[in-house]
């Protein structure tokens, strides 16, 4: 990785704090945002991927704690998702995924999901949920876990809108479930990376602290301040940020 000057380090750390604040407010860790920032600043993928996962673990842990403490969590929905996702996230982290076509398709999908979540339908009631079927939950967890491992993210950017669309949980509960889902998948991804997960770049070592500060602020708004409609629209913006990253960088 090229040596980062003082200004670049300041920009990186500030950006991590902002991304963590925005993403954690909807129960996400922010890996897509961190990867985008580090790519723009010239951080090599070999350092960016584990760096983003470490920040993800810190930010999503804080989000999971805050959402769970506020009552926005459901262990019955989380358990089968996580059980299937963890081994697949580990496996995916040991593989290599390439191809701009995949990034374009995924980016366009996220753009559509963002619109549907934020503005594409009227609110049918945040409590109108239905039970999650175990076979479907296991298949969903396995698919998202593999995708998370392949791409170096936690998978929450896909899980949250899916939980809401399927009406398995209300919006904020979906955020709490996704936060812990991101934590377990990020840990599995780091384990899968092996020694590559051990980084010694000072800027990246300081980044999790900035992420924690951003997460404490972001989860305050997500858990306490925002109503359900605002929550969904902020999530839509998060999805569009992830889509823009995929479409611009191709990864």
Protein backbone atom coordinates (compact mmCIF):
# COMPACT_ATOMS: atom_id res chain seq x y z
CA UNK A 1 0.00 0.00 0.00
CA UNK A 2 1.33 3.49 -0.79
CA UNK A 3 2.29 5.45 2.31
CA UNK A 4 -0.54 7.67 3.49
CA UNK A 5 0.27 11.26 4.38
CA UNK A 6 -1.22 12.98 7.40
CA UNK A 7 -4.06 14.62 5.45
CA UNK A 8 -5.03 11.33 3.83
CA UNK A 9 -5.08 9.56 7.19
CA UNK A 10 -7.30 12.30 8.63
CA UNK A 11 -9.66 11.97 5.65
CA UNK A 12 -9.74 8.19 6.02
CA UNK A 13 -10.53 8.26 9.74
CA UNK A 14 -13.15 10.99 9.35
CA UNK A 15 -14.80 9.08 6.52
CA UNK A 16 -14.87 5.90 8.60
CA UNK A 17 -16.64 7.78 11.39
CA UNK A 18 -19.27 9.20 9.01
CA UNK A 19 -19.87 5.87 7.26
CA UNK A 20 -20.14 4.06 10.60
CA UNK A 21 -22.68 6.62 11.83
CA UNK A 22 -24.90 6.29 8.77
CA UNK A 23 -24.72 2.52 8.39
CA UNK A 24 -25.02 1.66 12.09
CA UNK A 25 -28.21 3.73 12.32
CA UNK A 26 -29.94 1.01 10.27
CA UNK A 27 -28.12 -1.92 11.91
CA UNK A 28 -25.30 -2.27 9.36
CA UNK A 29 -21.54 -2.45 9.81
CA UNK A 30 -20.60 -0.34 6.77
CA UNK A 31 -18.09 -2.59 5.01
CA UNK A 32 -19.20 -1.47 1.56
CA UNK A 33 -18.59 2.15 2.56
CA UNK A 34 -15.18 1.47 4.11
CA UNK A 35 -14.07 -0.50 1.05
CA UNK A 36 -15.14 2.36 -1.21
CA UNK A 37 -13.27 4.97 0.85
CA UNK A 38 -10.11 2.90 1.05
CA UNK A 39 -10.19 2.17 -2.67
CA UNK A 40 -10.37 5.89 -3.40
CA UNK A 41 -7.44 6.55 -1.06
CA UNK A 42 -5.23 3.89 -2.62
CA UNK A 43 -5.39 1.21 0.06
CA UNK A 44 -4.61 -2.16 -1.51
CA UNK A 45 -7.35 -4.82 -1.46
CA UNK A 46 -5.10 -7.07 0.64
CA UNK A 47 -5.32 -4.51 3.46
CA UNK A 48 -8.72 -3.02 2.70
CA UNK A 49 -10.64 -6.28 2.96
CA UNK A 50 -9.49 -7.32 6.46
CA UNK A 51 -9.48 -3.67 7.55
CA UNK A 52 -13.13 -3.28 6.57
CA UNK A 53 -14.04 -6.53 8.32
CA UNK A 54 -12.37 -5.45 11.57
CA UNK A 55 -14.23 -2.11 11.52
CA UNK A 56 -17.39 -4.02 10.63
CA UNK A 57 -17.05 -6.19 13.73
CA UNK A 58 -16.74 -3.17 16.03
CA UNK A 59 -19.50 -1.08 14.46
CA UNK A 60 -21.99 -3.92 14.03
CA UNK A 61 -21.35 -5.15 17.59
CA UNK A 62 -22.33 -1.75 18.95
CA UNK A 63 -25.39 -1.69 16.69
CA UNK A 64 -26.40 -5.20 17.75
CA UNK A 65 -26.05 -4.29 21.43
CA UNK A 66 -28.07 -1.07 21.07
CA UNK A 67 -30.88 -2.62 19.02
CA UNK A 68 -31.10 -5.70 21.25
CA UNK A 69 -31.18 -3.55 24.37
CA UNK A 70 -34.05 -1.53 22.89
CA UNK A 71 -36.00 -4.72 22.17
CA UNK A 72 -35.45 -4.77 18.41
CA UNK A 73 -34.29 -8.36 18.00
CA UNK A 74 -35.71 -11.85 17.42
CA UNK A 75 -33.58 -14.88 18.27
CA UNK A 76 -35.99 -17.27 16.50
CA UNK A 77 -35.39 -15.51 13.20
CA UNK A 78 -31.67 -14.93 13.76
CA UNK A 79 -30.68 -18.48 14.80
CA UNK A 80 -31.31 -20.39 11.54
CA UNK A 81 -29.93 -17.54 9.45
CA UNK A 82 -26.67 -17.45 11.41
CA UNK A 83 -26.32 -21.23 11.67
CA UNK A 84 -26.35 -21.53 7.89
CA UNK A 85 -24.38 -18.38 7.11
CA UNK A 86 -21.31 -18.79 9.33
CA UNK A 87 -19.71 -21.82 7.61
CA UNK A 88 -20.54 -20.42 4.16
CA UNK A 89 -19.05 -17.03 5.05
CA UNK A 90 -15.85 -18.80 6.08
CA UNK A 91 -15.83 -20.75 2.83
CA UNK A 92 -16.55 -17.68 0.73
CA UNK A 93 -13.67 -15.76 2.31
CA UNK A 94 -11.28 -18.44 1.06
CA UNK A 95 -12.47 -18.05 -2.53
CA UNK A 96 -11.98 -15.21 -4.99
CA UNK A 97 -14.84 -13.46 -6.72
CA UNK A 98 -14.19 -11.29 -9.77
CA UNK A 99 -16.17 -9.79 -12.63
CA UNK A 100 -17.57 -6.37 -13.33
CA UNK A 101 -20.78 -7.85 -14.77
CA UNK A 102 -21.61 -9.30 -11.34
CA UNK A 103 -20.96 -5.92 -9.70
CA UNK A 104 -23.24 -4.12 -12.18
CA UNK A 105 -26.10 -6.59 -11.72
CA UNK A 106 -25.77 -6.46 -7.95
CA UNK A 107 -25.53 -2.67 -7.95
CA UNK A 108 -28.72 -2.32 -10.02
CA UNK A 109 -30.47 -4.77 -7.71
CA UNK A 110 -29.55 -2.66 -4.69
CA UNK A 111 -30.80 0.48 -6.42
CA UNK A 112 -34.17 -1.17 -6.98
CA UNK A 113 -34.31 -2.51 -3.43
CA UNK A 114 -33.58 0.95 -2.07
CA UNK A 115 -36.44 2.50 -4.02
CA UNK A 116 -38.90 -0.20 -3.01
CA UNK A 117 -37.96 0.10 0.65
CA UNK A 118 -38.01 3.86 0.89
CA UNK A 119 -40.65 5.08 -1.54
CA UNK A 120 -42.03 2.24 -3.65
CA UNK A 121 -44.94 1.18 -1.43
CA UNK A 122 -47.25 2.42 1.28
CA UNK A 123 -46.76 1.33 4.85
CA UNK A 124 -48.84 -1.77 5.51
CA UNK A 125 -48.13 -1.71 9.23
CA UNK A 126 -44.87 -2.34 11.00
CA UNK A 127 -46.30 -5.14 13.18
CA UNK A 128 -47.91 -7.15 10.36
CA UNK A 129 -45.35 -9.96 10.37
CA UNK A 130 -45.49 -13.66 9.60
CA UNK A 131 -43.38 -16.58 10.91
CA UNK A 132 -40.11 -17.37 9.20
CA UNK A 133 -40.03 -20.89 7.78
CA UNK A 134 -36.88 -22.75 8.80
CA UNK A 135 -35.99 -24.21 5.36
CA UNK A 136 -36.30 -20.79 3.75
CA UNK A 137 -34.34 -19.14 6.59
CA UNK A 138 -31.55 -21.72 6.31
CA UNK A 139 -31.33 -21.30 2.54
CA UNK A 140 -31.32 -17.51 2.92
CA UNK A 141 -28.60 -17.60 5.57
CA UNK A 142 -26.43 -19.92 3.50
CA UNK A 143 -26.76 -17.80 0.37
CA UNK A 144 -26.08 -14.50 2.11
CA UNK A 145 -23.22 -16.02 4.12
CA UNK A 146 -21.49 -17.22 0.97
CA UNK A 147 -22.04 -13.85 -0.71
CA UNK A 148 -20.71 -12.04 2.35
CA UNK A 149 -17.58 -14.17 2.41
CA UNK A 150 -16.97 -13.75 -1.30
CA UNK A 151 -17.31 -9.97 -1.26
CA UNK A 152 -15.71 -9.18 2.09
CA UNK A 153 -18.80 -7.69 3.74
CA UNK A 154 -21.13 -8.84 6.50
CA UNK A 155 -24.26 -9.44 4.45
CA UNK A 156 -26.60 -7.10 6.33
CA UNK A 157 -27.10 -4.87 3.30
CA UNK A 158 -28.96 -7.80 1.73
CA UNK A 159 -30.56 -9.30 4.82
CA UNK A 160 -32.35 -6.23 6.18
CA UNK A 161 -34.49 -5.46 3.11
CA UNK A 162 -35.15 -9.18 2.65
CA UNK A 163 -36.49 -9.52 6.21
CA UNK A 164 -38.75 -6.53 5.64
CA UNK A 165 -39.98 -7.69 2.23
CA UNK A 166 -40.77 -11.16 3.59
CA UNK A 167 -42.45 -9.56 6.62
CA UNK A 168 -40.55 -11.79 9.00
CA UNK A 169 -39.85 -8.82 11.29
CA UNK A 170 -40.64 -5.11 11.62
CA UNK A 171 -38.05 -2.73 10.14
CA UNK A 172 -36.10 -1.95 13.29
CA UNK A 173 -36.05 -5.58 14.41
CA UNK A 174 -34.63 -6.40 10.99
CA UNK A 175 -31.87 -3.90 11.71
CA UNK A 176 -31.03 -5.57 15.02
CA UNK A 177 -30.95 -9.05 13.49
CA UNK A 178 -28.79 -7.86 10.61
CA UNK A 179 -26.32 -6.22 12.98
CA UNK A 180 -25.52 -9.47 14.79
CA UNK A 181 -25.65 -11.36 11.47
CA UNK A 182 -22.92 -9.01 10.22
CA UNK A 183 -20.80 -9.61 13.32
CA UNK A 184 -20.80 -13.41 13.04
CA UNK A 185 -20.16 -13.34 9.29
CA UNK A 186 -17.37 -10.79 9.62
CA UNK A 187 -15.67 -12.92 12.27
CA UNK A 188 -16.04 -15.99 10.06
CA UNK A 189 -14.57 -14.03 7.16
CA UNK A 190 -11.58 -12.92 9.22
CA UNK A 191 -10.94 -16.49 10.35
CA UNK A 192 -11.14 -17.61 6.73
CA UNK A 193 -8.54 -15.02 5.73
CA UNK A 194 -6.07 -16.53 8.18
CA UNK A 195 -2.84 -14.55 8.52
CA UNK A 196 -4.09 -12.04 5.95
CA UNK A 197 -6.48 -10.79 8.64
CA UNK A 198 -3.53 -9.55 10.72
CA UNK A 199 -2.76 -5.99 9.64
CA UNK A 200 -0.24 -3.52 11.02
CA UNK A 201 -1.05 -0.31 9.10
CA UNK A 202 -1.43 2.42 11.79
CA UNK A 203 -4.32 4.18 10.04
CA UNK A 204 -6.29 0.95 9.81
CA UNK A 205 -5.54 0.08 13.41
CA UNK A 206 -7.01 3.43 14.52
CA UNK A 207 -10.03 3.16 12.22
CA UNK A 208 -12.09 0.82 14.46
CA UNK A 209 -11.99 3.46 17.23
CA UNK A 210 -13.43 6.05 14.84
CA UNK A 211 -15.98 3.48 13.72
CA UNK A 212 -17.03 2.93 17.34
CA UNK A 213 -17.55 6.66 17.86
CA UNK A 214 -19.63 6.88 14.71
CA UNK A 215 -21.66 3.81 15.70
CA UNK A 216 -22.52 5.23 19.11
CA UNK A 217 -23.93 8.33 17.44
CA UNK A 218 -25.64 6.48 14.58
CA UNK A 219 -27.39 3.89 16.73
CA UNK A 220 -28.75 6.66 18.95
CA UNK A 221 -30.66 8.05 15.98
CA UNK A 222 -31.62 4.65 14.59
CA UNK A 223 -32.93 3.18 17.83
CA UNK A 224 -34.42 6.24 19.56
CA UNK A 225 -34.99 9.16 17.22
CA UNK A 226 -36.18 7.87 13.86
CA UNK A 227 -39.65 6.55 13.14
CA UNK A 228 -40.18 3.53 10.91
CA UNK A 229 -40.65 5.48 7.67
CA UNK A 230 -37.49 7.52 8.25
CA UNK A 231 -35.64 4.35 9.20
CA UNK A 232 -36.58 2.67 5.91
CA UNK A 233 -35.61 5.70 3.87
CA UNK A 234 -32.22 5.99 5.53
CA UNK A 235 -31.76 2.30 4.79
CA UNK A 236 -32.64 3.03 1.15
CA UNK A 237 -29.89 5.66 1.02
CA UNK A 238 -27.46 3.13 2.50
CA UNK A 239 -28.38 0.66 -0.23
CA UNK A 240 -27.81 3.32 -2.88
CA UNK A 241 -24.40 4.12 -1.43
CA UNK A 242 -23.50 0.44 -1.67
CA UNK A 243 -24.87 0.32 -5.23
CA UNK A 244 -22.86 3.38 -6.26
CA UNK A 245 -19.72 1.79 -4.88
CA UNK A 246 -20.31 -1.38 -6.89
CA UNK A 247 -21.16 0.45 -10.11
CA UNK A 248 -18.25 2.91 -9.89
CA UNK A 249 -15.49 0.59 -8.71
CA UNK A 250 -16.77 -2.65 -10.23
CA UNK A 251 -16.16 -4.58 -7.02
